[in-house]
Amino acid sequence: MNKTSLEIVVGAFLLAGFISFSWLAVKMGDINPFQNETYPMTARFTSISGLKEGSTIELAGVVVGKVSQIELDAGDYEAVVHLNIDKTIELTDDSIASIRTSGIIGDKYIKLTPGGSDIMLEAGDEIDETESAISLEELVSKYIFESE
């Protein structure tokens, strides 16, 4: 193999390595450069136990957004969850946002259930109907202490 051929092979190998590393960094960082446009919404919950920023939002089992920010409303003692929802999804004003668990000990996500109203929510609106996270520990302790 002459010197030019060897340099081409080494260059191709380095290029393939760089492309592989870049792809891995994008996948591991959960970055999507071709992400659909989203619009913001908020929802208030009494408990978001286990929900994190970056958690998915699902409608009919399909991922339609992500949780962008979580903060505490100190006046009402409620968690305010900021949602980024795909622009192609339209939600009615009686839609329900529930915090669910994927699997038995899996991650928390927000499940959206559409309502039957004709009035659509606009960008920046708040989902009024919410169901907080169910705490397995509270259910077990309630069952144990009530059975005595």
Protein backbone atom coordinates (compact mmCIF):
# COMPACT_ATOMS: atom_id res chain seq x y z
CA MET A 1 0.00 0.00 0.00
CA ASN A 2 1.49 3.34 -0.96
CA LYS A 3 1.55 6.42 1.28
CA THR A 4 -1.41 8.19 -0.40
CA SER A 5 -3.69 5.16 -0.05
CA LEU A 6 -2.73 4.77 3.60
CA GLU A 7 -3.53 8.44 4.28
CA ILE A 8 -6.93 8.07 2.59
CA VAL A 9 -7.77 4.98 4.67
CA VAL A 10 -6.68 6.68 7.92
CA GLY A 11 -8.65 9.81 7.00
CA ALA A 12 -11.79 7.78 6.22
CA PHE A 13 -11.39 5.90 9.51
CA LEU A 14 -11.07 9.17 11.47
CA LEU A 15 -14.07 10.65 9.66
CA ALA A 16 -16.19 7.56 10.44
CA GLY A 17 -15.09 7.76 14.08
CA PHE A 18 -16.01 11.46 14.30
CA ILE A 19 -19.44 10.84 12.74
CA SER A 20 -20.07 7.93 15.13
CA PHE A 21 -19.02 10.00 18.15
CA SER A 22 -21.25 12.90 17.07
CA TRP A 23 -24.25 10.60 16.60
CA LEU A 24 -23.65 9.04 20.03
CA ALA A 25 -23.38 12.46 21.69
CA VAL A 26 -26.67 13.60 20.13
CA LYS A 27 -28.47 10.37 21.15
CA MET A 28 -27.11 10.31 24.70
CA GLY A 29 -27.82 14.01 25.18
CA ASP A 30 -31.43 13.50 24.03
CA ILE A 31 -30.97 16.29 21.49
CA ASN A 32 -33.06 16.27 18.34
CA PRO A 33 -31.77 18.77 15.76
CA PHE A 34 -34.77 18.03 13.52
CA GLN A 35 -37.32 18.49 16.30
CA ASN A 36 -40.84 19.60 15.42
CA GLU A 37 -41.96 23.05 16.47
CA THR A 38 -43.69 23.19 19.83
CA TYR A 39 -45.90 25.53 21.80
CA PRO A 40 -45.88 26.12 25.57
CA MET A 41 -48.60 25.14 28.05
CA THR A 42 -48.74 24.76 31.81
CA ALA A 43 -50.48 22.40 34.22
CA ARG A 44 -50.74 22.48 38.02
CA PHE A 45 -50.45 19.36 40.16
CA THR A 46 -50.66 18.79 43.92
CA SER A 47 -47.92 16.15 43.60
CA ILE A 48 -45.49 15.39 40.79
CA SER A 49 -43.50 12.79 42.69
CA GLY A 50 -40.83 11.42 40.33
CA LEU A 51 -41.58 13.65 37.32
CA LYS A 52 -38.47 15.33 35.88
CA GLU A 53 -37.65 18.03 33.39
CA GLY A 54 -37.32 16.32 30.01
CA SER A 55 -39.99 13.72 30.81
CA THR A 56 -42.20 12.82 27.87
CA ILE A 57 -45.79 13.85 27.22
CA GLU A 58 -47.96 11.22 25.55
CA LEU A 59 -51.32 11.31 23.82
CA ALA A 60 -52.80 7.91 22.90
CA GLY A 61 -49.41 6.34 23.63
CA VAL A 62 -47.58 8.60 21.15
CA VAL A 63 -44.94 11.06 22.38
CA VAL A 64 -46.19 14.58 21.59
CA GLY A 65 -43.93 16.72 23.75
CA LYS A 66 -41.61 17.14 26.71
CA VAL A 67 -41.67 18.72 30.15
CA SER A 68 -39.54 21.85 29.88
CA GLN A 69 -39.58 23.19 33.43
CA ILE A 70 -40.97 22.40 36.88
CA GLU A 71 -41.42 24.99 39.59
CA LEU A 72 -43.27 25.41 42.87
CA ASP A 73 -46.07 27.92 43.36
CA ALA A 74 -45.30 28.77 46.99
CA GLY A 75 -48.63 30.55 47.45
CA ASP A 76 -50.83 27.58 46.49
CA TYR A 77 -48.31 24.82 47.36
CA GLU A 78 -48.71 23.32 43.90
CA ALA A 79 -46.20 22.20 41.32
CA VAL A 80 -46.40 24.17 38.08
CA VAL A 81 -45.26 22.05 35.14
CA HIS A 82 -44.34 23.79 31.88
CA LEU A 83 -45.03 21.66 28.82
CA ASN A 84 -43.78 21.92 25.24
CA ILE A 85 -46.33 20.28 22.96
CA ASP A 86 -45.98 19.56 19.24
CA LYS A 87 -47.63 22.27 17.11
CA THR A 88 -49.62 19.67 15.18
CA ILE A 89 -51.53 18.69 18.35
CA GLU A 90 -54.62 20.66 19.31
CA LEU A 91 -56.03 20.19 22.80
CA THR A 92 -59.53 21.04 23.98
CA ASP A 93 -60.09 23.11 27.12
CA ASP A 94 -61.42 20.05 28.99
CA SER A 95 -58.38 17.87 28.30
CA ILE A 96 -56.89 16.02 31.28
CA ALA A 97 -53.18 15.85 32.13
CA SER A 98 -52.27 12.86 34.32
CA ILE A 99 -48.92 11.80 35.73
CA ARG A 100 -48.37 8.11 35.02
CA THR A 101 -45.60 5.56 35.43
CA SER A 102 -44.23 3.54 32.54
CA GLY A 103 -43.96 0.02 33.92
CA ILE A 104 -43.91 -0.95 37.57
CA ILE A 105 -40.87 1.07 38.60
CA GLY A 106 -40.37 3.05 35.42
CA ASP A 107 -40.05 6.73 34.68
CA LYS A 108 -42.91 9.15 35.15
CA TYR A 109 -44.52 10.82 32.16
CA ILE A 110 -47.57 12.99 31.48
CA LYS A 111 -50.53 11.37 29.78
CA LEU A 112 -52.90 13.71 27.95
CA THR A 113 -56.52 12.66 27.55
CA PRO A 114 -58.52 14.81 25.13
CA GLY A 115 -61.95 16.04 26.11
CA GLY A 116 -65.10 16.57 24.07
CA SER A 117 -65.29 20.36 24.06
CA ASP A 118 -65.26 22.46 20.90
CA ILE A 119 -63.08 25.13 22.53
CA MET A 120 -59.36 24.70 21.82
CA LEU A 121 -56.53 25.74 24.13
CA GLU A 122 -54.13 28.36 22.83
CA ALA A 123 -50.36 28.52 23.26
CA GLY A 124 -49.53 29.58 26.83
CA ASP A 125 -52.86 28.42 28.28
CA GLU A 126 -53.16 26.19 31.32
CA ILE A 127 -54.65 22.70 31.43
CA ASP A 128 -57.16 22.92 34.29
CA GLU A 129 -57.98 19.23 34.73
CA THR A 130 -55.03 17.33 36.22
CA GLU A 131 -54.44 14.06 38.07
CA SER A 132 -51.40 13.94 40.34
CA ALA A 133 -48.90 11.11 40.67
CA ILE A 134 -49.97 8.10 42.69
CA SER A 135 -47.54 7.30 45.49
CA LEU A 136 -47.14 3.56 45.95
CA GLU A 137 -45.76 4.08 49.46
CA GLU A 138 -48.86 6.06 50.51
CA LEU A 139 -51.19 3.39 49.13
CA VAL A 140 -49.35 0.59 50.92
CA SER A 141 -49.18 2.44 54.23
CA LYS A 142 -52.86 3.39 53.97
CA TYR A 143 -53.79 -0.26 53.36
CA ILE A 144 -51.62 -1.52 56.23
CA PHE A 145 -52.77 1.01 58.83
CA GLU A 146 -56.47 0.93 57.89
CA SER A 147 -56.70 -2.87 58.10
CA GLU A 148 -55.89 -2.86 61.83
